[in-house]
Amino acid sequence: MCEKGNIEVLKIQRLLNRFRIKDKRGQKLKEDGKISESYYFAIEEFEKITQVKEIATFRVAELIMSKPLLVLGDESFVIRYLQWFLKINVNGKFDLKTQAEVIKFQSKKLIAADGIVGKETWGKIIE
């Protein structure tokens, strides 16, 4: 755990690792509660993906962890993360391309391929 680290930093490190946000070397963050260059790099990457800044970063992470229902036509910061995860164009809009990629992902993971991102799909994204 983190004897001398900050518990809030540790929480963010764990979330970023669950979201598969890596440091500049492509490695998972060390979960020690300590602020480092790797920590800042991963935070900046997450902020680029979601297009949020500083104060909202942890709130967006919590929103993603709540595994919200996402469907065609939705727009949000969470969809930006989903699109980044699926390695498709990131625009924050759950459009037909996003839906098609969600269906491919669901099929690959052997879950209901309905193009809707619900708890089961989130469970495969955030393992």
N, C-alpha and C. Protein backbone atom coordinates (compact mmCIF):
# COMPACT_ATOMS: atom_id res chain seq x y z
N MET A 1 0.85 -1.17 0.00
CA MET A 1 0.00 0.00 0.00
C MET A 1 0.89 1.23 0.00
N CYS A 2 0.54 2.26 0.74
CA CYS A 2 1.36 3.47 0.73
C CYS A 2 1.53 3.99 2.15
N GLU A 3 2.66 3.69 2.75
CA GLU A 3 2.92 4.14 4.11
C GLU A 3 3.10 5.65 4.16
N LYS A 4 3.86 6.20 3.21
CA LYS A 4 4.12 7.63 3.22
C LYS A 4 3.42 8.34 2.07
N GLY A 5 2.63 7.62 1.31
CA GLY A 5 1.94 8.22 0.18
C GLY A 5 0.59 8.80 0.57
N ASN A 6 0.04 9.54 -0.34
CA ASN A 6 -1.26 10.18 -0.16
C ASN A 6 -2.36 9.23 -0.62
N ILE A 7 -3.37 9.01 0.21
CA ILE A 7 -4.44 8.05 -0.11
C ILE A 7 -5.24 8.49 -1.34
N GLU A 8 -5.43 9.80 -1.53
CA GLU A 8 -6.17 10.28 -2.70
C GLU A 8 -5.37 10.03 -3.98
N VAL A 9 -4.07 10.23 -3.91
CA VAL A 9 -3.20 9.95 -5.06
C VAL A 9 -3.24 8.46 -5.37
N LEU A 10 -3.22 7.64 -4.34
CA LEU A 10 -3.30 6.19 -4.51
C LEU A 10 -4.59 5.80 -5.23
N LYS A 11 -5.71 6.41 -4.82
CA LYS A 11 -6.99 6.11 -5.47
C LYS A 11 -6.94 6.44 -6.95
N ILE A 12 -6.37 7.59 -7.28
CA ILE A 12 -6.27 7.99 -8.68
C ILE A 12 -5.34 7.06 -9.44
N GLN A 13 -4.22 6.67 -8.84
CA GLN A 13 -3.31 5.73 -9.49
C GLN A 13 -4.04 4.42 -9.81
N ARG A 14 -4.81 3.94 -8.87
CA ARG A 14 -5.55 2.68 -9.08
C ARG A 14 -6.58 2.83 -10.19
N LEU A 15 -7.30 3.96 -10.20
CA LEU A 15 -8.29 4.19 -11.26
C LEU A 15 -7.62 4.27 -12.62
N LEU A 16 -6.53 5.01 -12.72
CA LEU A 16 -5.84 5.14 -14.00
C LEU A 16 -5.34 3.78 -14.48
N ASN A 17 -4.87 2.95 -13.58
CA ASN A 17 -4.44 1.60 -13.97
C ASN A 17 -5.63 0.77 -14.45
N ARG A 18 -6.76 0.87 -13.77
CA ARG A 18 -7.96 0.13 -14.21
C ARG A 18 -8.43 0.61 -15.57
N PHE A 19 -8.24 1.92 -15.84
CA PHE A 19 -8.64 2.49 -17.12
C PHE A 19 -7.59 2.24 -18.21
N ARG A 20 -6.48 1.59 -17.82
CA ARG A 20 -5.39 1.26 -18.74
C ARG A 20 -4.67 2.50 -19.29
N ILE A 21 -4.60 3.54 -18.48
CA ILE A 21 -3.85 4.74 -18.83
C ILE A 21 -2.42 4.51 -18.35
N LYS A 22 -1.47 4.54 -19.26
CA LYS A 22 -0.07 4.20 -18.94
C LYS A 22 0.79 5.45 -18.74
N ASP A 23 1.99 5.24 -18.21
CA ASP A 23 2.94 6.34 -18.12
C ASP A 23 3.64 6.50 -19.47
N LYS A 24 4.60 7.41 -19.55
CA LYS A 24 5.22 7.69 -20.85
C LYS A 24 6.05 6.53 -21.39
N ARG A 25 6.37 5.56 -20.56
CA ARG A 25 7.09 4.36 -21.02
C ARG A 25 6.13 3.22 -21.39
N GLY A 26 4.83 3.51 -21.29
CA GLY A 26 3.84 2.49 -21.60
C GLY A 26 3.61 1.50 -20.46
N GLN A 27 4.01 1.88 -19.26
CA GLN A 27 3.89 1.01 -18.09
C GLN A 27 2.72 1.44 -17.21
N LYS A 28 2.21 0.49 -16.42
CA LYS A 28 1.20 0.82 -15.41
C LYS A 28 1.85 1.74 -14.37
N LEU A 29 1.02 2.54 -13.73
CA LEU A 29 1.52 3.39 -12.66
C LEU A 29 1.84 2.56 -11.43
N LYS A 30 2.88 2.96 -10.72
CA LYS A 30 3.18 2.34 -9.44
C LYS A 30 2.13 2.83 -8.45
N GLU A 31 1.46 1.92 -7.78
CA GLU A 31 0.40 2.28 -6.83
C GLU A 31 1.00 2.45 -5.44
N ASP A 32 1.59 3.63 -5.24
CA ASP A 32 2.26 3.91 -3.98
C ASP A 32 1.77 5.19 -3.30
N GLY A 33 0.82 5.89 -3.93
CA GLY A 33 0.30 7.12 -3.34
C GLY A 33 1.24 8.30 -3.46
N LYS A 34 2.30 8.16 -4.24
CA LYS A 34 3.28 9.23 -4.38
C LYS A 34 3.14 9.91 -5.74
N ILE A 35 3.22 11.22 -5.71
CA ILE A 35 3.16 12.00 -6.95
C ILE A 35 4.52 11.92 -7.63
N SER A 36 4.50 11.58 -8.91
CA SER A 36 5.74 11.44 -9.67
C SER A 36 5.53 11.95 -11.09
N GLU A 37 6.60 11.94 -11.86
CA GLU A 37 6.51 12.34 -13.26
C GLU A 37 5.55 11.40 -14.00
N SER A 38 5.61 10.12 -13.70
CA SER A 38 4.71 9.14 -14.33
C SER A 38 3.26 9.43 -13.99
N TYR A 39 3.01 9.79 -12.74
CA TYR A 39 1.65 10.13 -12.28
C TYR A 39 1.12 11.32 -13.07
N TYR A 40 1.93 12.38 -13.18
CA TYR A 40 1.50 13.57 -13.92
C TYR A 40 1.26 13.26 -15.40
N PHE A 41 2.12 12.44 -15.98
CA PHE A 41 1.96 12.07 -17.38
C PHE A 41 0.63 11.35 -17.59
N ALA A 42 0.33 10.39 -16.73
CA ALA A 42 -0.91 9.62 -16.86
C ALA A 42 -2.14 10.51 -16.65
N ILE A 43 -2.07 11.42 -15.70
CA ILE A 43 -3.17 12.38 -15.48
C ILE A 43 -3.38 13.21 -16.74
N GLU A 44 -2.30 13.71 -17.32
CA GLU A 44 -2.40 14.52 -18.54
C GLU A 44 -3.01 13.71 -19.68
N GLU A 45 -2.63 12.44 -19.80
CA GLU A 45 -3.21 11.58 -20.84
C GLU A 45 -4.71 11.43 -20.64
N PHE A 46 -5.12 11.18 -19.40
CA PHE A 46 -6.54 11.03 -19.10
C PHE A 46 -7.29 12.33 -19.41
N GLU A 47 -6.69 13.46 -19.07
CA GLU A 47 -7.32 14.75 -19.34
C GLU A 47 -7.43 15.01 -20.84
N LYS A 48 -6.42 14.58 -21.60
CA LYS A 48 -6.49 14.72 -23.07
C LYS A 48 -7.62 13.87 -23.63
N ILE A 49 -7.72 12.65 -23.15
CA ILE A 49 -8.75 11.72 -23.64
C ILE A 49 -10.15 12.27 -23.35
N THR A 50 -10.38 12.68 -22.12
CA THR A 50 -11.72 13.10 -21.71
C THR A 50 -11.98 14.59 -21.94
N GLN A 51 -10.93 15.34 -22.19
CA GLN A 51 -11.00 16.80 -22.37
C GLN A 51 -11.54 17.50 -21.13
N VAL A 52 -11.08 17.05 -19.98
CA VAL A 52 -11.39 17.73 -18.73
C VAL A 52 -10.08 18.23 -18.14
N LYS A 53 -10.19 19.17 -17.27
CA LYS A 53 -8.99 19.73 -16.65
C LYS A 53 -9.05 19.58 -15.14
N GLU A 54 -7.89 19.37 -14.58
CA GLU A 54 -7.59 19.28 -13.16
C GLU A 54 -8.74 18.94 -12.22
N ILE A 55 -9.51 19.92 -11.81
CA ILE A 55 -10.50 19.72 -10.75
C ILE A 55 -11.53 18.66 -11.10
N ALA A 56 -11.87 18.54 -12.37
CA ALA A 56 -12.91 17.58 -12.78
C ALA A 56 -12.36 16.19 -13.04
N THR A 57 -11.05 16.02 -13.06
CA THR A 57 -10.46 14.73 -13.41
C THR A 57 -10.99 13.60 -12.55
N PHE A 58 -10.96 13.76 -11.24
CA PHE A 58 -11.41 12.69 -10.35
C PHE A 58 -12.91 12.46 -10.48
N ARG A 59 -13.67 13.52 -10.72
CA ARG A 59 -15.12 13.37 -10.89
C ARG A 59 -15.44 12.56 -12.14
N VAL A 60 -14.71 12.82 -13.23
CA VAL A 60 -14.94 12.05 -14.46
C VAL A 60 -14.54 10.60 -14.23
N ALA A 61 -13.44 10.37 -13.53
CA ALA A 61 -13.03 9.00 -13.23
C ALA A 61 -14.11 8.28 -12.42
N GLU A 62 -14.68 8.96 -11.45
CA GLU A 62 -15.77 8.37 -10.66
C GLU A 62 -16.99 8.08 -11.53
N LEU A 63 -17.28 8.98 -12.46
CA LEU A 63 -18.41 8.77 -13.36
C LEU A 63 -18.19 7.53 -14.23
N ILE A 64 -16.98 7.36 -14.74
CA ILE A 64 -16.67 6.16 -15.53
C ILE A 64 -16.83 4.92 -14.65
N MET A 65 -16.33 4.98 -13.41
CA MET A 65 -16.43 3.83 -12.51
C MET A 65 -17.88 3.50 -12.15
N SER A 66 -18.79 4.46 -12.29
CA SER A 66 -20.20 4.18 -12.01
C SER A 66 -20.83 3.36 -13.14
N LYS A 67 -20.08 3.16 -14.21
CA LYS A 67 -20.50 2.34 -15.36
C LYS A 67 -21.86 2.77 -15.90
N PRO A 68 -21.94 4.02 -16.37
CA PRO A 68 -23.23 4.53 -16.85
C PRO A 68 -23.68 3.83 -18.13
N LEU A 69 -24.98 3.77 -18.33
CA LEU A 69 -25.56 3.22 -19.55
C LEU A 69 -25.28 4.20 -20.69
N LEU A 70 -24.69 3.71 -21.78
CA LEU A 70 -24.38 4.53 -22.94
C LEU A 70 -25.07 3.95 -24.17
N VAL A 71 -25.77 4.80 -24.91
CA VAL A 71 -26.50 4.35 -26.10
C VAL A 71 -26.29 5.33 -27.25
N LEU A 72 -26.66 4.88 -28.43
CA LEU A 72 -26.57 5.69 -29.63
C LEU A 72 -27.22 7.05 -29.39
N GLY A 73 -26.51 8.12 -29.74
CA GLY A 73 -27.03 9.47 -29.59
C GLY A 73 -26.52 10.20 -28.36
N ASP A 74 -25.97 9.46 -27.39
CA ASP A 74 -25.44 10.10 -26.18
C ASP A 74 -24.17 10.89 -26.50
N GLU A 75 -23.88 11.89 -25.69
CA GLU A 75 -22.64 12.66 -25.78
C GLU A 75 -22.13 12.90 -24.37
N SER A 76 -20.84 12.64 -24.14
CA SER A 76 -20.27 12.89 -22.81
C SER A 76 -18.76 12.67 -22.80
N PHE A 77 -18.15 13.08 -21.68
CA PHE A 77 -16.74 12.82 -21.45
C PHE A 77 -16.49 11.32 -21.36
N VAL A 78 -17.45 10.60 -20.81
CA VAL A 78 -17.31 9.15 -20.66
C VAL A 78 -17.20 8.48 -22.02
N ILE A 79 -17.94 8.97 -22.99
CA ILE A 79 -17.87 8.40 -24.34
C ILE A 79 -16.51 8.67 -24.96
N ARG A 80 -15.90 9.79 -24.62
CA ARG A 80 -14.53 10.06 -25.11
C ARG A 80 -13.60 8.94 -24.61
N TYR A 81 -13.73 8.57 -23.33
CA TYR A 81 -12.90 7.49 -22.80
C TYR A 81 -13.21 6.18 -23.53
N LEU A 82 -14.48 5.88 -23.71
CA LEU A 82 -14.89 4.65 -24.40
C LEU A 82 -14.27 4.60 -25.80
N GLN A 83 -14.35 5.69 -26.54
CA GLN A 83 -13.79 5.73 -27.89
C GLN A 83 -12.28 5.55 -27.87
N TRP A 84 -11.62 6.18 -26.91
CA TRP A 84 -10.17 5.99 -26.78
C TRP A 84 -9.87 4.52 -26.52
N PHE A 85 -10.60 3.92 -25.60
CA PHE A 85 -10.41 2.51 -25.27
C PHE A 85 -10.59 1.63 -26.50
N LEU A 86 -11.58 1.94 -27.32
CA LEU A 86 -11.86 1.15 -28.53
C LEU A 86 -10.91 1.47 -29.68
N LYS A 87 -10.05 2.48 -29.46
CA LYS A 87 -9.07 2.90 -30.47
C LYS A 87 -9.74 3.40 -31.75
N ILE A 88 -10.75 4.24 -31.57
CA ILE A 88 -11.44 4.86 -32.70
C ILE A 88 -11.39 6.38 -32.53
N ASN A 89 -11.86 7.10 -33.55
CA ASN A 89 -11.89 8.55 -33.49
C ASN A 89 -12.63 9.02 -32.23
N VAL A 90 -11.99 9.91 -31.48
CA VAL A 90 -12.57 10.41 -30.23
C VAL A 90 -13.26 11.74 -30.48
N ASN A 91 -14.60 11.73 -30.36
CA ASN A 91 -15.37 12.97 -30.53
C ASN A 91 -16.41 13.17 -29.42
N GLY A 92 -16.53 12.19 -28.51
CA GLY A 92 -17.47 12.32 -27.40
C GLY A 92 -18.91 12.03 -27.75
N LYS A 93 -19.15 11.59 -29.00
CA LYS A 93 -20.52 11.31 -29.45
C LYS A 93 -20.68 9.82 -29.72
N PHE A 94 -21.71 9.23 -29.14
CA PHE A 94 -22.00 7.82 -29.37
C PHE A 94 -22.72 7.73 -30.71
N ASP A 95 -21.90 7.68 -31.76
CA ASP A 95 -22.42 7.67 -33.13
C ASP A 95 -22.45 6.24 -33.67
N LEU A 96 -22.79 6.09 -34.94
CA LEU A 96 -22.89 4.76 -35.54
C LEU A 96 -21.56 4.02 -35.54
N LYS A 97 -20.45 4.74 -35.76
CA LYS A 97 -19.12 4.11 -35.74
C LYS A 97 -18.83 3.57 -34.34
N THR A 98 -19.14 4.36 -33.33
CA THR A 98 -18.92 3.92 -31.95
C THR A 98 -19.78 2.69 -31.65
N GLN A 99 -21.03 2.73 -32.06
CA GLN A 99 -21.93 1.60 -31.83
C GLN A 99 -21.39 0.34 -32.51
N ALA A 100 -20.92 0.48 -33.75
CA ALA A 100 -20.38 -0.68 -34.48
C ALA A 100 -19.15 -1.25 -33.76
N GLU A 101 -18.30 -0.38 -33.25
CA GLU A 101 -17.11 -0.86 -32.54
C GLU A 101 -17.47 -1.49 -31.20
N VAL A 102 -18.50 -0.97 -30.55
CA VAL A 102 -18.98 -1.58 -29.30
C VAL A 102 -19.49 -2.99 -29.60
N ILE A 103 -20.24 -3.15 -30.67
CA ILE A 103 -20.76 -4.47 -31.05
C ILE A 103 -19.61 -5.43 -31.32
N LYS A 104 -18.58 -4.97 -32.02
CA LYS A 104 -17.40 -5.82 -32.29
C LYS A 104 -16.74 -6.24 -30.97
N PHE A 105 -16.57 -5.27 -30.08
CA PHE A 105 -15.95 -5.55 -28.78
C PHE A 105 -16.78 -6.55 -27.99
N GLN A 106 -18.08 -6.34 -27.96
CA GLN A 106 -18.97 -7.24 -27.22
C GLN A 106 -18.90 -8.66 -27.80
N SER A 107 -18.89 -8.77 -29.12
CA SER A 107 -18.80 -10.09 -29.76
C SER A 107 -17.49 -10.77 -29.40
N LYS A 108 -16.40 -10.00 -29.44
CA LYS A 108 -15.08 -10.54 -29.11
C LYS A 108 -15.03 -11.05 -27.66
N LYS A 109 -15.73 -10.35 -26.77
CA LYS A 109 -15.74 -10.73 -25.35
C LYS A 109 -16.85 -11.72 -25.00
N LEU A 110 -17.60 -12.16 -26.02
CA LEU A 110 -18.65 -13.16 -25.85
C LEU A 110 -19.76 -12.72 -24.90
N ILE A 111 -20.16 -11.46 -25.04
CA ILE A 111 -21.30 -10.95 -24.28
C ILE A 111 -22.34 -10.46 -25.27
N ALA A 112 -23.54 -10.15 -24.80
CA ALA A 112 -24.62 -9.71 -25.68
C ALA A 112 -24.15 -8.54 -26.55
N ALA A 113 -24.15 -8.75 -27.86
CA ALA A 113 -23.66 -7.74 -28.81
C ALA A 113 -24.82 -6.88 -29.28
N ASP A 114 -25.25 -5.96 -28.40
CA ASP A 114 -26.41 -5.12 -28.71
C ASP A 114 -26.03 -3.67 -28.99
N GLY A 115 -24.74 -3.33 -28.87
CA GLY A 115 -24.30 -1.97 -29.14
C GLY A 115 -24.61 -1.00 -28.02
N ILE A 116 -25.08 -1.50 -26.90
CA ILE A 116 -25.37 -0.67 -25.73
C ILE A 116 -24.30 -0.96 -24.67
N VAL A 117 -23.73 0.09 -24.11
CA VAL A 117 -22.71 -0.10 -23.09
C VAL A 117 -23.39 -0.04 -21.72
N GLY A 118 -23.55 -1.23 -21.13
CA GLY A 118 -24.15 -1.35 -19.81
C GLY A 118 -23.15 -1.98 -18.85
N LYS A 119 -23.64 -2.46 -17.73
CA LYS A 119 -22.77 -3.02 -16.68
C LYS A 119 -21.88 -4.15 -17.19
N GLU A 120 -22.45 -5.05 -18.00
CA GLU A 120 -21.67 -6.19 -18.49
C GLU A 120 -20.53 -5.73 -19.40
N THR A 121 -20.83 -4.81 -20.29
CA THR A 121 -19.79 -4.30 -21.19
C THR A 121 -18.73 -3.53 -20.40
N TRP A 122 -19.18 -2.68 -19.47
CA TRP A 122 -18.22 -1.96 -18.64
C TRP A 122 -17.33 -2.94 -17.87
N GLY A 123 -17.91 -4.05 -17.43
CA GLY A 123 -17.12 -5.05 -16.71
C GLY A 123 -15.98 -5.62 -17.52
N LYS A 124 -16.14 -5.65 -18.83
CA LYS A 124 -15.07 -6.13 -19.72
C LYS A 124 -14.08 -5.02 -20.06
N ILE A 125 -14.53 -3.77 -20.00
CA ILE A 125 -13.66 -2.63 -20.29
C ILE A 125 -12.78 -2.32 -19.08
N ILE A 126 -13.40 -2.26 -17.92
CA ILE A 126 -12.70 -1.94 -16.68
C ILE A 126 -12.59 -3.21 -15.86
N GLU A 127 -11.52 -3.94 -16.08
CA GLU A 127 -11.35 -5.23 -15.39
C GLU A 127 -10.52 -5.06 -14.14
